[in-house]
Amino acid sequence: MHINVIVYIRVSTADQESGLETQKDVIEKRLKEIGYRHLLKTFVDEDISGDSHVEQRPAYKELLAYIAEYNKNNAGDPIREIWVQTRDRISREVDMLGYASVVLRSLGVEIRATEESDETLVTRIYDILGEEELKKYRQKRMYGIKRRINENKIMSRPPVGYKILDGKLMVDEEWRPRIIEIFQMFEDNVTMSTISTKHEIPRSSLAYMRKNPIYRTGEYYWKGKVVYNVEPMLKEGDVKIRDEEDFYS
């Protein structure tokens, strides 16, 4: 029986006694001492201040994505711990450390440090401050989303055949003939496998395209609601509607 763990190391330009190799050696020594730990991967952020927002650090962002993907694919044996030399390697700010703790816990992962207190009161304080920081982060994010909606700017990856210009969704004219052909193939009941092979588009993407109203009406949906309209890819008459008898004649 083992516990899957990952290691996070942050080194700032001011670090002298807690450099990369020092942190790595201390953590690996501690893991051997307690045993039953399976180290999967080590993530290192160099020249990063402890005052920076955790989600603005390249390696830490990669770490979060790695945990989410790994635990999704290994539900029976997930990552359970992230090890650091000291908790201030995550952040020197208590509210940011709490925020990181809450986010990681939502992924099923606990922060463990080689030098740490087992006092539950201290941990709970981190949690409370982290929850408040998470609320503020979500509120700021929602303000940004609403602003982008008001400016008709896209909030996610553009649908196949569209592109982003100055933050706004536009038809990619080079794609229009292909999209018309694809929708004609939908209308002609051509198999998804055939369409996927010809146009080198995954079947999952084709299924999403088929039900996305943006191609026919220009309606852009977010969270199940139409938030604005753009130019539809398909114009009237582009796709010939087949009668049922066409397939039996």
Protein backbone atom coordinates (compact mmCIF):
# COMPACT_ATOMS: atom_id res chain seq x y z
CA MET A 1 0.00 0.00 0.00
CA HIS A 2 1.32 3.44 -0.91
CA ILE A 3 0.28 7.07 -1.21
CA ASN A 4 0.92 8.90 -4.49
CA VAL A 5 2.60 12.26 -3.96
CA ILE A 6 4.10 15.09 -5.97
CA VAL A 7 6.71 17.62 -4.88
CA TYR A 8 6.60 21.39 -5.35
CA ILE A 9 9.73 23.52 -5.10
CA ARG A 10 9.77 27.30 -5.35
CA VAL A 11 13.06 29.18 -5.51
CA SER A 12 13.28 32.96 -5.39
CA THR A 13 16.27 35.09 -6.34
CA ALA A 14 16.75 35.86 -2.64
CA ASP A 15 17.03 32.19 -1.61
CA GLN A 16 20.47 31.23 -0.38
CA GLU A 17 20.04 28.45 2.18
CA SER A 18 16.87 27.03 0.61
CA GLY A 19 17.89 26.55 -3.00
CA LEU A 20 16.51 24.00 -5.42
CA GLU A 21 18.84 21.12 -4.48
CA THR A 22 18.49 21.81 -0.75
CA GLN A 23 14.69 21.71 -0.89
CA LYS A 24 14.76 18.58 -3.05
CA ASP A 25 17.14 16.74 -0.71
CA VAL A 26 15.21 17.68 2.44
CA ILE A 27 11.85 16.59 0.96
CA GLU A 28 13.14 13.31 -0.49
CA LYS A 29 14.84 12.47 2.83
CA ARG A 30 11.57 13.10 4.68
CA LEU A 31 9.59 10.94 2.25
CA LYS A 32 12.00 8.05 2.84
CA GLU A 33 11.71 8.50 6.61
CA ILE A 34 7.92 8.24 6.73
CA GLY A 35 7.70 5.62 3.96
CA TYR A 36 4.78 4.38 1.87
CA ARG A 37 5.08 7.37 -0.48
CA HIS A 38 5.30 7.00 -4.26
CA LEU A 39 6.77 10.15 -5.78
CA LEU A 40 5.29 10.72 -9.23
CA LYS A 41 6.72 14.07 -10.29
CA THR A 42 8.54 17.18 -9.07
CA PHE A 43 7.50 20.67 -10.16
CA VAL A 44 9.93 23.59 -9.87
CA ASP A 45 9.25 27.33 -10.11
CA GLU A 46 12.52 29.28 -10.25
CA ASP A 47 13.00 33.01 -9.64
CA ILE A 48 9.46 33.27 -8.26
CA SER A 49 8.63 35.42 -5.25
CA GLY A 50 6.63 33.95 -2.38
CA ASP A 51 4.28 36.94 -2.63
CA SER A 52 3.15 36.06 -6.16
CA HIS A 53 -0.28 34.59 -6.91
CA VAL A 54 0.08 30.82 -7.10
CA GLU A 55 -1.90 30.53 -10.34
CA GLN A 56 0.46 32.95 -12.11
CA ARG A 57 3.41 30.59 -11.67
CA PRO A 58 4.18 28.36 -14.69
CA ALA A 59 5.11 25.18 -12.82
CA TYR A 60 2.31 25.53 -10.27
CA LYS A 61 -0.27 25.91 -13.05
CA GLU A 62 1.18 22.81 -14.69
CA LEU A 63 0.97 21.05 -11.32
CA LEU A 64 -2.76 21.77 -10.95
CA ALA A 65 -3.48 20.51 -14.46
CA TYR A 66 -1.39 17.39 -13.82
CA ILE A 67 -3.27 16.57 -10.60
CA ALA A 68 -6.67 17.06 -12.23
CA GLU A 69 -5.79 14.86 -15.22
CA TYR A 70 -4.04 12.15 -13.19
CA ASN A 71 -6.79 11.83 -10.59
CA LYS A 72 -9.42 11.75 -13.31
CA ASN A 73 -7.69 8.82 -14.99
CA ASN A 74 -6.63 7.05 -11.78
CA ALA A 75 -9.61 7.38 -9.48
CA GLY A 76 -8.68 4.20 -7.62
CA ASP A 77 -5.12 5.33 -6.87
CA PRO A 78 -5.03 9.15 -7.04
CA ILE A 79 -2.48 11.74 -5.96
CA ARG A 80 -3.18 12.51 -2.30
CA GLU A 81 -0.36 14.78 -1.15
CA ILE A 82 1.79 17.65 -2.40
CA TRP A 83 5.05 17.95 -0.49
CA VAL A 84 7.03 21.14 0.13
CA GLN A 85 9.94 21.91 2.42
CA THR A 86 7.94 24.57 4.26
CA ARG A 87 4.45 25.89 3.68
CA ASP A 88 5.78 29.32 2.67
CA ARG A 89 7.11 27.62 -0.47
CA ILE A 90 3.45 27.71 -1.54
CA SER A 91 3.03 31.29 -0.36
CA ARG A 92 4.30 33.63 2.32
CA GLU A 93 0.85 35.21 2.52
CA VAL A 94 -1.49 33.37 4.87
CA ASP A 95 -4.65 34.06 2.83
CA MET A 96 -2.96 32.87 -0.38
CA LEU A 97 -1.70 29.73 1.35
CA GLY A 98 -5.25 29.12 2.55
CA TYR A 99 -6.57 29.67 -0.96
CA ALA A 100 -4.10 27.14 -2.38
CA SER A 101 -5.07 24.65 0.35
CA VAL A 102 -8.77 24.94 -0.49
CA VAL A 103 -8.20 24.53 -4.24
CA LEU A 104 -5.90 21.54 -3.76
CA ARG A 105 -8.30 19.93 -1.30
CA SER A 106 -11.06 20.24 -3.91
CA LEU A 107 -8.81 18.02 -6.08
CA GLY A 108 -8.39 15.54 -3.22
CA VAL A 109 -4.86 16.66 -2.34
CA GLU A 110 -3.41 17.83 0.99
CA ILE A 111 -0.35 20.06 1.43
CA ARG A 112 2.38 18.39 3.50
CA ALA A 113 5.59 20.06 4.63
CA THR A 114 8.76 18.60 6.10
CA GLU A 115 8.50 21.29 8.80
CA GLU A 116 4.87 21.61 9.79
CA SER A 117 2.53 21.84 12.75
CA ASP A 118 -0.18 19.27 13.34
CA GLU A 119 -2.36 21.81 15.14
CA THR A 120 -5.84 21.58 13.63
CA LEU A 121 -6.66 25.15 14.67
CA VAL A 122 -3.86 26.51 12.49
CA THR A 123 -5.06 24.38 9.55
CA ARG A 124 -8.64 25.60 10.02
CA ILE A 125 -7.49 29.22 10.00
CA TYR A 126 -5.77 28.57 6.70
CA ASP A 127 -8.99 27.02 5.38
CA ILE A 128 -11.17 29.96 6.42
CA LEU A 129 -8.81 32.51 4.91
CA GLY A 130 -8.48 30.38 1.79
CA GLU A 131 -12.23 30.12 1.35
CA GLU A 132 -12.51 33.91 1.56
CA GLU A 133 -9.72 34.32 -0.98
CA LEU A 134 -11.46 31.82 -3.27
CA LYS A 135 -14.71 33.83 -3.05
CA LYS A 136 -12.85 37.02 -4.01
CA TYR A 137 -11.14 35.25 -6.91
CA ARG A 138 -14.44 33.89 -8.23
CA GLN A 139 -16.08 37.30 -7.88
CA LYS A 140 -13.29 38.96 -9.87
CA ARG A 141 -13.55 36.23 -12.50
CA MET A 142 -17.31 36.73 -12.81
CA TYR A 143 -16.84 40.49 -13.24
CA GLY A 144 -14.38 39.76 -16.05
CA ILE A 145 -16.79 37.32 -17.72
CA LYS A 146 -19.67 39.81 -17.59
CA ARG A 147 -17.45 42.50 -19.09
CA ARG A 148 -16.45 40.21 -21.96
CA ILE A 149 -20.11 39.33 -22.58
CA ASN A 150 -21.01 43.03 -22.76
CA GLU A 151 -18.16 43.58 -25.23
CA ASN A 152 -19.19 40.52 -27.34
CA LYS A 153 -15.85 38.91 -26.59
CA ILE A 154 -15.37 35.16 -26.43
CA MET A 155 -14.84 33.38 -23.09
CA SER A 156 -13.47 30.07 -24.35
CA ARG A 157 -11.83 28.36 -27.32
CA PRO A 158 -13.53 29.37 -30.60
CA PRO A 159 -15.72 26.78 -32.36
CA VAL A 160 -14.17 25.03 -35.34
CA GLY A 161 -14.26 27.41 -38.33
CA TYR A 162 -14.21 30.58 -36.25
CA LYS A 163 -11.29 32.72 -35.14
CA ILE A 164 -10.70 35.45 -32.60
CA LEU A 165 -9.89 38.94 -33.82
CA ASP A 166 -9.43 41.70 -31.23
CA GLY A 167 -11.09 39.45 -28.69
CA LYS A 168 -14.20 38.95 -30.82
CA LEU A 169 -15.46 35.88 -32.62
CA MET A 170 -15.27 36.04 -36.41
CA VAL A 171 -15.91 33.60 -39.28
CA ASP A 172 -12.67 32.21 -40.66
CA GLU A 173 -13.40 32.46 -44.40
CA GLU A 174 -10.80 29.82 -45.23
CA TRP A 175 -12.87 27.34 -43.23
CA ARG A 176 -16.30 28.29 -44.59
CA PRO A 177 -16.27 25.91 -47.62
CA ARG A 178 -15.20 22.99 -45.42
CA ILE A 179 -17.87 23.73 -42.81
CA ILE A 180 -20.53 23.86 -45.53
CA GLU A 181 -19.33 20.51 -46.86
CA ILE A 182 -19.33 19.00 -43.36
CA PHE A 183 -22.90 20.13 -42.68
CA GLN A 184 -23.98 18.81 -46.07
CA MET A 185 -22.45 15.48 -45.08
CA PHE A 186 -24.43 15.65 -41.83
CA GLU A 187 -27.58 16.23 -43.88
CA ASP A 188 -26.69 13.34 -46.18
CA ASN A 189 -26.30 11.00 -43.18
CA VAL A 190 -22.62 10.35 -43.88
CA THR A 191 -21.05 8.53 -40.94
CA MET A 192 -19.07 10.50 -38.37
CA SER A 193 -16.09 8.23 -38.96
CA THR A 194 -16.05 9.09 -42.69
CA ILE A 195 -16.34 12.84 -42.01
CA SER A 196 -13.68 12.64 -39.31
CA THR A 197 -11.25 10.84 -41.60
CA LYS A 198 -11.78 13.21 -44.51
CA HIS A 199 -11.55 16.47 -42.56
CA GLU A 200 -9.21 15.29 -39.77
CA ILE A 201 -11.59 16.47 -37.04
CA PRO A 202 -12.30 14.26 -33.99
CA ARG A 203 -15.77 12.74 -33.90
CA SER A 204 -16.41 14.37 -30.53
CA SER A 205 -15.78 17.78 -32.11
CA LEU A 206 -18.05 16.93 -35.04
CA ALA A 207 -20.85 15.92 -32.67
CA TYR A 208 -20.48 19.24 -30.86
CA MET A 209 -20.47 21.15 -34.16
CA ARG A 210 -23.65 19.41 -35.30
CA LYS A 211 -25.65 20.58 -32.28
CA ASN A 212 -24.03 24.02 -31.90
CA PRO A 213 -26.52 26.66 -33.14
CA ILE A 214 -23.79 29.20 -33.85
CA TYR A 215 -23.21 27.73 -37.32
CA ARG A 216 -26.81 28.27 -38.46
CA THR A 217 -28.08 31.16 -36.32
CA GLY A 218 -24.94 32.87 -35.01
CA GLU A 219 -26.14 32.42 -31.41
CA TYR A 220 -23.26 32.18 -28.95
CA TYR A 221 -24.18 30.21 -25.83
CA TRP A 222 -22.53 30.35 -22.43
CA LYS A 223 -23.86 28.44 -19.41
CA GLY A 224 -26.92 27.40 -21.42
CA LYS A 225 -27.93 30.96 -22.38
CA VAL A 226 -27.51 33.08 -25.51
CA VAL A 227 -25.17 35.90 -24.50
CA TYR A 228 -24.68 37.51 -27.92
CA ASN A 229 -24.90 36.88 -31.67
CA VAL A 230 -22.19 36.66 -34.31
CA GLU A 231 -22.21 36.01 -38.05
CA PRO A 232 -23.48 32.47 -38.75
CA MET A 233 -21.20 30.26 -40.79
CA LEU A 234 -24.00 28.83 -42.94
CA LYS A 235 -26.15 31.02 -45.13
CA GLU A 236 -29.55 30.16 -46.54
CA GLY A 237 -29.21 27.65 -49.35
CA ASP A 238 -25.66 26.57 -48.46
CA VAL A 239 -26.88 23.15 -47.34
CA LYS A 240 -29.39 21.21 -49.42
CA ILE A 241 -32.07 19.71 -47.19
CA ARG A 242 -32.70 16.11 -48.21
CA ASP A 243 -36.18 14.62 -48.29
CA GLU A 244 -36.50 11.12 -46.90
CA GLU A 245 -37.36 9.75 -50.34
CA ASP A 246 -33.99 10.98 -51.66
CA PHE A 247 -32.33 8.16 -49.73
CA TYR A 248 -34.56 5.47 -51.21
CA SER A 249 -34.76 6.58 -54.82
